[in-house]
Protein backbone atom coordinates (compact mmCIF):
# COMPACT_ATOMS: atom_id res chain seq x y z
CA MET A 1 -1.63 -63.38 13.04
CA SER A 2 0.52 -63.34 9.92
CA THR A 3 -2.53 -62.34 7.93
CA LEU A 4 -3.15 -59.39 10.28
CA ALA A 5 0.51 -58.34 10.05
CA SER A 6 0.38 -58.49 6.27
CA PHE A 7 -2.75 -56.37 6.23
CA ILE A 8 -1.15 -53.79 8.53
CA ARG A 9 1.95 -53.64 6.30
CA PHE A 10 -0.32 -53.19 3.27
CA ILE A 11 -2.12 -50.34 4.97
CA ILE A 12 1.16 -48.66 5.97
CA ASN A 13 2.62 -49.01 2.46
CA ALA A 14 -0.58 -47.62 0.96
CA ILE A 15 -0.45 -44.65 3.32
CA LEU A 16 3.21 -44.06 2.48
CA PHE A 17 2.48 -44.34 -1.25
CA ILE A 18 -0.40 -41.88 -1.03
CA ALA A 19 1.65 -39.49 1.11
CA GLY A 20 4.56 -39.73 -1.31
CA SER A 21 2.28 -39.06 -4.27
CA ILE A 22 0.81 -36.03 -2.53
CA LEU A 23 4.28 -34.67 -1.76
CA LEU A 24 5.41 -35.26 -5.34
CA LEU A 25 2.30 -33.57 -6.72
CA ALA A 26 2.84 -30.63 -4.38
CA ALA A 27 6.45 -30.34 -5.52
CA VAL A 28 5.38 -30.34 -9.18
CA VAL A 29 2.71 -27.71 -8.53
CA LEU A 30 5.16 -25.62 -6.56
CA TYR A 31 7.74 -25.92 -9.33
CA ASN A 32 5.29 -24.96 -12.05
CA SER A 33 3.84 -22.11 -10.05
CA ASP A 34 7.23 -20.70 -9.11
CA THR A 35 6.78 -17.29 -10.74
CA THR A 36 9.96 -15.97 -9.19
CA ARG A 37 11.89 -17.78 -11.92
CA GLY A 38 10.29 -15.29 -14.28
CA ASP A 39 11.55 -12.33 -12.27
CA PRO A 40 11.74 -9.43 -14.77
CA ASN A 41 15.01 -8.37 -13.17
CA LEU A 42 16.55 -11.54 -14.61
CA ILE A 43 14.82 -11.59 -18.01
CA ILE A 44 16.27 -9.82 -21.06
CA GLU A 45 13.52 -7.83 -22.75
CA ASN A 46 12.77 -8.99 -26.30
CA GLY A 47 14.95 -12.03 -25.71
CA PRO A 48 13.98 -15.63 -26.52
CA LEU A 49 12.02 -15.97 -23.27
CA ARG A 50 9.79 -12.98 -24.10
CA GLY A 51 8.92 -12.46 -20.45
CA GLN A 52 8.21 -16.15 -19.76
CA ALA A 53 9.85 -18.00 -16.89
CA PRO A 54 12.54 -20.41 -18.12
CA THR A 55 11.82 -24.06 -17.41
CA GLY A 56 13.95 -27.10 -16.69
CA LEU A 57 16.27 -28.26 -13.97
CA GLU A 58 19.21 -26.15 -15.19
CA ALA A 59 17.10 -22.99 -15.18
CA ARG A 60 15.99 -23.75 -11.62
CA ALA A 61 19.58 -24.27 -10.55
CA LEU A 62 20.67 -21.07 -12.29
CA TYR A 63 17.84 -19.15 -10.67
CA ALA A 64 19.07 -20.23 -7.25
CA VAL A 65 22.36 -18.48 -8.01
CA LEU A 66 21.11 -15.50 -10.03
CA SER A 67 18.33 -14.55 -7.62
CA THR A 68 20.97 -13.72 -5.04
CA ARG A 69 22.89 -11.53 -7.53
CA ILE A 70 20.05 -9.43 -8.98
CA ASN A 71 21.71 -6.20 -7.87
CA ASP A 72 24.98 -7.18 -9.55
CA ILE A 73 23.15 -7.93 -12.80
CA ASN A 74 21.17 -4.68 -12.83
CA THR A 75 23.71 -2.26 -11.34
CA ARG A 76 25.75 -0.04 -13.63
CA PRO A 77 29.46 -0.72 -13.16
CA SER A 78 30.31 2.92 -13.89
CA ASN A 79 28.82 6.39 -14.28
CA ASP A 80 30.92 6.89 -17.40
CA SER A 81 28.76 6.87 -20.55
CA GLY A 82 31.82 6.64 -22.80
CA LEU A 83 31.85 4.11 -25.63
CA VAL A 84 34.12 1.06 -25.81
CA PRO A 85 34.69 -0.84 -29.09
CA PHE A 86 33.92 -4.56 -28.76
CA SER A 87 33.88 -7.36 -31.32
CA ILE A 88 32.43 -10.85 -31.44
CA GLU A 89 33.92 -13.19 -33.99
CA ALA A 90 32.00 -16.06 -35.57
CA GLY A 91 32.50 -19.10 -33.33
CA ASP A 92 33.22 -17.16 -30.13
CA ASN A 93 31.59 -18.83 -27.15
CA ALA A 94 29.75 -17.04 -24.35
CA GLN A 95 32.51 -17.66 -21.79
CA SER A 96 35.24 -16.07 -23.92
CA VAL A 97 32.95 -13.11 -24.65
CA ALA A 98 32.24 -12.72 -20.93
CA GLU A 99 35.93 -12.85 -20.02
CA ARG A 100 36.81 -10.15 -22.59
CA LEU A 101 33.99 -7.96 -21.31
CA GLN A 102 35.38 -8.30 -17.80
CA ALA A 103 38.89 -7.50 -19.00
CA LEU A 104 37.52 -4.24 -20.46
CA ASN A 105 35.74 -3.48 -17.15
CA LEU A 106 32.37 -3.57 -18.90
CA ILE A 107 31.23 -6.25 -16.43
CA ARG A 108 32.62 -7.25 -13.06
CA ASP A 109 31.99 -11.01 -13.05
CA ALA A 110 32.44 -13.08 -16.20
CA ASP A 111 31.05 -16.27 -14.62
CA LEU A 112 27.92 -14.49 -13.44
CA PHE A 113 27.40 -12.97 -16.89
CA GLY A 114 27.81 -16.39 -18.52
CA GLN A 115 25.23 -17.89 -16.17
CA PHE A 116 22.89 -14.98 -16.88
CA LEU A 117 23.20 -15.60 -20.64
CA ARG A 118 22.48 -19.33 -20.19
CA TYR A 119 19.45 -18.58 -18.01
CA ASN A 120 18.06 -16.38 -20.80
CA ASP A 121 18.91 -18.99 -23.44
CA ILE A 122 21.09 -16.61 -25.46
CA ASP A 123 24.55 -17.99 -24.66
CA THR A 124 24.60 -19.65 -28.09
CA ARG A 125 22.76 -16.81 -29.88
CA LEU A 126 25.18 -13.90 -29.58
CA VAL A 127 25.51 -12.05 -32.88
CA ALA A 128 28.97 -11.73 -34.38
CA GLY A 129 29.98 -8.20 -35.31
CA ASP A 130 31.51 -4.93 -34.17
CA TYR A 131 29.87 -3.10 -31.28
CA GLN A 132 30.13 0.14 -29.38
CA LEU A 133 29.21 -0.54 -25.74
CA ARG A 134 28.80 2.08 -23.03
CA ARG A 135 30.78 1.73 -19.83
CA ASN A 136 27.64 2.34 -17.78
CA MET A 137 25.57 -0.46 -19.34
CA THR A 138 24.16 -3.11 -17.02
CA MET A 139 24.63 -6.82 -17.69
CA LYS A 140 21.01 -6.92 -18.89
CA GLU A 141 21.64 -4.12 -21.38
CA ILE A 142 24.85 -5.68 -22.67
CA GLY A 143 23.16 -9.07 -23.03
CA ALA A 144 20.29 -7.49 -24.97
CA ALA A 145 22.68 -5.58 -27.26
CA LEU A 146 24.75 -8.68 -28.07
CA TYR A 147 21.65 -10.80 -28.64
CA ARG A 148 19.96 -8.27 -30.94
CA GLY A 149 23.21 -7.49 -32.75
CA ARG A 150 22.96 -3.78 -31.96
CA SER A 151 25.66 -1.44 -30.77
CA ALA A 152 25.06 1.10 -28.05
CA ARG A 153 25.44 3.71 -30.78
CA MET A 154 23.40 3.71 -33.97
CA THR A 155 23.11 6.01 -36.96
CA VAL A 156 19.82 7.81 -37.61
CA THR A 157 19.48 9.66 -40.93
CA ILE A 158 16.48 11.93 -41.48
CA PRO A 159 16.19 13.30 -45.05
CA ALA A 160 14.93 16.82 -45.65
CA GLY A 161 11.32 17.03 -46.77
CA TRP A 162 9.96 14.17 -44.66
CA ARG A 163 6.80 14.65 -42.63
CA MET A 164 6.50 13.34 -39.06
CA GLU A 165 4.83 10.10 -40.10
CA GLN A 166 7.70 9.23 -42.42
CA VAL A 167 10.22 9.84 -39.65
CA ALA A 168 8.23 7.60 -37.31
CA GLU A 169 7.98 4.81 -39.92
CA TYR A 170 11.73 4.93 -40.50
CA LEU A 171 12.55 4.79 -36.78
CA ASN A 172 10.25 1.82 -36.35
CA THR A 173 11.45 -0.10 -39.42
CA ALA A 174 15.11 0.47 -38.52
CA GLY A 175 14.46 -0.89 -35.02
CA ILE A 176 15.66 2.34 -33.41
CA MET A 177 12.55 2.90 -31.31
CA ASP A 178 8.80 2.41 -31.25
CA GLY A 179 7.64 4.55 -34.17
CA ASN A 180 4.10 4.86 -32.81
CA GLN A 181 5.40 6.22 -29.51
CA PHE A 182 7.63 8.70 -31.35
CA LEU A 183 4.72 9.88 -33.49
CA ARG A 184 2.47 10.32 -30.46
CA GLU A 185 5.06 12.50 -28.73
CA ALA A 186 5.85 14.45 -31.91
CA ARG A 187 2.17 15.20 -32.42
CA ARG A 188 1.65 16.25 -28.80
CA GLY A 189 4.61 18.59 -29.04
CA THR A 190 5.08 18.85 -25.27
CA ILE A 191 7.86 16.45 -24.36
CA VAL A 192 10.74 18.88 -25.06
CA GLY A 193 11.09 22.62 -24.47
CA HIS A 194 13.51 24.81 -26.42
CA ASP A 195 14.19 28.46 -27.25
CA LEU A 196 13.32 27.80 -30.91
CA LEU A 197 9.81 26.84 -29.82
CA ALA A 198 9.14 30.18 -28.12
CA ASP A 199 6.81 31.53 -30.82
CA ARG A 200 5.23 28.20 -31.76
CA PRO A 201 1.44 28.46 -31.32
CA SER A 202 -0.05 26.54 -28.41
CA GLY A 203 -1.11 23.00 -29.21
CA GLN A 204 1.09 22.61 -32.30
CA SER A 205 3.23 19.56 -32.97
CA TYR A 206 6.97 19.28 -33.64
CA GLU A 207 6.35 19.14 -37.39
CA GLY A 208 9.06 21.24 -39.03
CA TYR A 209 11.37 21.03 -36.00
CA LEU A 210 12.61 17.47 -36.67
CA PHE A 211 15.78 18.83 -38.22
CA PRO A 212 17.04 16.66 -41.10
CA ASP A 213 20.56 15.34 -40.57
CA THR A 214 22.50 12.23 -39.58
CA TYR A 215 22.57 11.55 -35.86
CA LEU A 216 24.56 9.11 -33.73
CA VAL A 217 22.29 7.88 -30.95
CA LEU A 218 22.52 5.33 -28.15
CA ASP A 219 20.47 2.16 -28.47
CA SER A 220 18.45 3.30 -25.48
CA VAL A 221 17.43 6.54 -27.26
CA THR A 222 13.92 7.79 -26.46
CA PRO A 223 11.62 10.12 -28.45
CA LYS A 224 12.51 12.87 -25.99
CA ASP A 225 16.26 12.32 -26.53
CA LEU A 226 15.99 12.38 -30.32
CA ILE A 227 13.67 15.38 -30.55
CA ALA A 228 15.82 17.36 -28.11
CA GLY A 229 18.89 16.48 -30.19
CA MET A 230 17.16 17.63 -33.38
CA LEU A 231 16.24 20.98 -31.84
CA ASP A 232 19.76 21.48 -30.47
CA ASN A 233 21.21 20.60 -33.87
CA MET A 234 18.91 23.06 -35.62
CA ALA A 235 20.00 25.79 -33.23
CA ARG A 236 23.68 25.00 -33.90
CA LYS A 237 23.29 24.93 -37.69
CA LEU A 238 21.32 28.19 -37.97
CA PRO A 239 22.70 31.68 -37.34
CA ALA A 240 22.46 32.78 -33.71
CA ASN A 241 20.22 35.65 -34.85
CA ALA A 242 17.81 33.48 -36.86
CA ILE A 243 14.80 34.58 -34.81
CA VAL A 244 15.80 38.24 -35.24
CA LEU A 245 16.15 37.74 -39.00
CA ALA A 246 12.64 36.29 -39.05
CA GLN A 247 11.26 39.26 -37.13
CA GLN A 248 12.94 41.65 -39.54
CA ARG A 249 10.84 40.10 -42.29
CA GLY A 250 7.70 40.47 -40.23
CA LEU A 251 7.56 36.75 -39.54
CA THR A 252 7.78 34.55 -36.50
CA PHE A 253 10.33 31.74 -36.58
CA TYR A 254 7.40 29.31 -36.73
CA GLN A 255 6.15 31.03 -39.89
CA VAL A 256 9.64 30.86 -41.35
CA LEU A 257 9.70 27.09 -40.73
CA THR A 258 6.24 26.78 -42.29
CA LEU A 259 7.32 28.58 -45.46
CA ALA A 260 10.69 26.79 -45.53
CA SER A 261 8.95 23.42 -45.43
CA ILE A 262 6.98 24.40 -48.54
CA VAL A 263 10.17 25.56 -50.28
CA GLU A 264 11.78 22.23 -49.36
CA ARG A 265 9.01 20.27 -51.02
CA GLU A 266 8.86 22.55 -54.09
CA THR A 267 12.48 22.31 -55.25
CA ALA A 268 15.48 20.10 -54.68
CA LEU A 269 17.84 22.57 -56.37
CA PRO A 270 19.77 24.70 -53.83
CA GLN A 271 20.15 27.59 -56.29
CA GLU A 272 16.37 27.79 -56.73
CA ARG A 273 15.37 27.87 -53.08
CA PRO A 274 15.92 31.62 -52.48
CA ILE A 275 13.95 32.35 -55.67
CA VAL A 276 11.06 30.05 -54.74
CA ALA A 277 11.05 31.61 -51.26
CA SER A 278 10.83 35.05 -52.84
CA VAL A 279 7.79 33.98 -54.87
CA TYR A 280 5.87 32.94 -51.78
CA LEU A 281 6.95 35.98 -49.80
CA ASN A 282 5.80 38.17 -52.70
CA ARG A 283 2.44 36.40 -52.70
CA LEU A 284 2.10 37.13 -48.98
CA ASN A 285 2.66 40.82 -49.66
CA PRO A 286 -0.81 42.47 -49.90
CA ALA A 287 0.61 45.06 -52.30
CA ASN A 288 0.93 42.37 -54.96
CA GLY A 289 -2.76 41.54 -54.87
CA GLU A 290 -2.21 37.82 -54.25
CA ILE A 291 -3.73 36.37 -51.06
CA TYR A 292 -3.34 32.67 -51.86
CA LEU A 293 -0.01 30.85 -51.75
CA LYS A 294 -1.30 28.15 -54.16
CA ALA A 295 1.44 25.75 -53.11
CA ASP A 296 0.93 22.20 -54.36
CA PRO A 297 2.86 20.51 -51.48
CA THR A 298 0.42 21.91 -48.93
CA VAL A 299 -2.46 20.17 -50.70
CA GLN A 300 -0.45 16.94 -50.87
CA TYR A 301 0.14 17.24 -47.13
CA ALA A 302 -3.59 17.65 -46.53
CA MET A 303 -4.35 14.61 -48.71
CA GLY A 304 -2.22 12.47 -46.41
CA TYR A 305 -1.38 8.81 -46.84
CA GLN A 306 -2.18 7.20 -50.20
CA PRO A 307 -3.00 3.50 -49.64
CA ASP A 308 -2.90 2.62 -53.33
CA THR A 309 0.75 3.69 -53.65
CA GLY A 310 1.87 3.39 -50.01
CA GLN A 311 3.13 6.99 -50.15
CA TRP A 312 2.57 10.04 -47.98
CA TRP A 313 2.83 12.52 -50.88
CA LYS A 314 0.34 12.03 -53.71
CA SER A 315 2.05 12.18 -57.07
CA PRO A 316 1.02 12.96 -59.67
CA VAL A 317 -1.72 15.21 -58.41
CA ARG A 318 -4.16 17.09 -60.67
CA LEU A 319 -5.27 20.68 -60.17
CA GLU A 320 -8.92 19.67 -60.47
CA GLU A 321 -8.53 17.50 -57.36
CA TYR A 322 -7.76 20.47 -55.15
CA ASP A 323 -11.36 21.72 -54.82
CA ASN A 324 -12.26 18.48 -53.03
CA VAL A 325 -9.56 18.87 -50.37
CA ASP A 326 -11.25 20.97 -47.69
CA SER A 327 -8.39 21.63 -45.30
CA PRO A 328 -6.71 24.77 -43.94
CA TYR A 329 -3.55 23.29 -45.46
CA ASN A 330 -5.10 23.67 -48.92
CA THR A 331 -3.51 26.99 -49.86
CA TYR A 332 -5.61 27.13 -53.05
CA LEU A 333 -8.78 27.44 -50.94
CA TYR A 334 -7.48 29.15 -47.79
CA PRO A 335 -5.48 32.41 -47.94
CA GLY A 336 -2.13 33.05 -46.32
CA LEU A 337 0.15 30.52 -44.71
CA PRO A 338 -1.14 27.07 -43.71
CA PRO A 339 -1.48 26.38 -39.95
CA GLY A 340 2.08 25.08 -39.67
CA PRO A 341 5.01 23.33 -41.37
CA ILE A 342 4.30 20.40 -43.66
CA ALA A 343 7.72 18.72 -43.45
CA SER A 344 11.25 18.99 -42.07
CA PRO A 345 13.04 21.79 -43.95
CA SER A 346 16.80 21.76 -44.47
CA ARG A 347 19.09 24.56 -43.36
CA ASP A 348 19.25 25.78 -46.98
CA SER A 349 15.48 26.09 -47.20
CA ILE A 350 15.26 27.90 -43.85
CA MET A 351 18.02 30.31 -44.90
CA ALA A 352 16.26 30.83 -48.26
CA VAL A 353 13.26 32.23 -46.38
CA LEU A 354 15.42 34.28 -44.01
CA GLN A 355 17.53 35.61 -46.90
CA PRO A 356 15.42 35.28 -50.08
CA ALA A 357 16.35 36.46 -53.53
CA ASP A 358 15.23 39.97 -54.44
CA THR A 359 12.68 39.36 -57.20
CA ASP A 360 9.27 40.44 -58.46
CA TYR A 361 8.30 36.89 -59.35
CA LEU A 362 4.82 35.66 -58.44
CA PHE A 363 4.63 32.43 -60.46
CA PHE A 364 6.74 29.45 -61.48
CA VAL A 365 6.30 26.24 -63.39
CA CYS A 366 8.49 23.19 -64.00
CA ARG A 367 10.68 23.49 -67.07
CA ARG A 368 9.81 19.90 -68.07
CA PRO A 369 6.63 17.80 -67.69
CA GLY A 370 6.74 15.74 -64.52
CA CYS A 371 9.34 18.22 -63.25
CA LYS A 372 12.09 16.04 -64.64
CA GLY A 373 15.39 17.57 -63.55
CA GLY A 374 13.61 19.71 -60.96
CA GLU A 375 14.25 23.04 -62.71
CA HIS A 376 11.60 25.79 -62.78
CA VAL A 377 10.81 28.83 -64.93
CA PHE A 378 9.68 31.99 -63.12
CA ALA A 379 7.31 34.79 -64.13
CA LYS A 380 6.27 38.20 -62.82
CA THR A 381 2.76 38.26 -64.26
CA TYR A 382 0.01 35.69 -64.71
CA GLN A 383 0.04 36.27 -68.49
CA GLU A 384 3.76 35.54 -68.62
CA HIS A 385 3.16 32.46 -66.47
CA LEU A 386 0.55 31.13 -68.87
CA GLN A 387 2.98 31.59 -71.73
CA ASN A 388 5.59 29.61 -69.80
CA VAL A 389 3.10 26.85 -69.14
CA ALA A 390 2.27 26.69 -72.84
CA ILE A 391 5.92 26.68 -73.87
CA TYR A 392 7.39 24.30 -71.35
CA TRP A 393 4.46 21.96 -70.93
CA GLU A 394 3.52 22.01 -74.63
CA GLN A 395 -0.11 22.78 -73.91
CA GLN A 396 -0.73 25.07 -76.90
């Protein structure tokens, strides 16, 4: 009988062991397949987790709390977009940072924010520094800003004479936005409407309208935001009657920008810009017998990116190369203005076209080889121009 009882106990224990193993395996599978712990509403984009669900017992415990507070984490505490200075000192811990954020009414629950930082594994990775945080930032946005070491407001500086691709590269390298996305939108030229675009031909990009200046932007800035700001800034910096001034010269504003972009690339000297503009306007005048602008920067624009130098503007460039550049932007081969701007012209270059110098010049050449110093010598006739070339470039 005892043998039978022992056998029965063995069977029962075996059944219990197997059942326990099955339950344990099910729990492990359930734990590992729990995709809710990777809820994007609780994950800081570009954070250490990179969209992956955090693992470990603490993460699971934190998820149990945070999953009930998703709205609090992703709701803006205010509609005020005003900026608030905030600093993190070296050695500050996440809890003290959270408490100071709450004291400034940037978050409503310091403990919740601290748990959110731990869940995302950034509570020990906050970057010391001075920040500008918006009052209407969510906990996710604040956490991302403090982890990346970026304020809500950043400085964007676009130099005059850059083409769209250079602007996009800068925005990408500086971490301001996705440069490829910006370039796609700039090339499409449809994301923003503006009065200054009224006479822009259909299908043209925003080349020439990316007004060079220094801009303060929020860290959430989009291509649309930046391009709209550039157009608004251009409108503010130019005379209110800029379009009328263009029409008085028989030009559309788009044609003015096109010519101004060439002037921008031709000379860096402010005093020369109205003179250079007059040269090209004189060449466009049929009475002068010139139908070709013969502007070197337009050919450089057509040549595009130069892999051997990593530059967008080929330099030096030889005149004999121009015949091989079959593009409507090659103003040695195609008469009149190119199809559109080749770069972002400054206010000075735009005004130089709207209010050019009164000259009879048709030609100019750099005063020194390699254009050292940037100064040019101007001529009214081709014979005089050849003499200047011989004198200043020592070609006789």
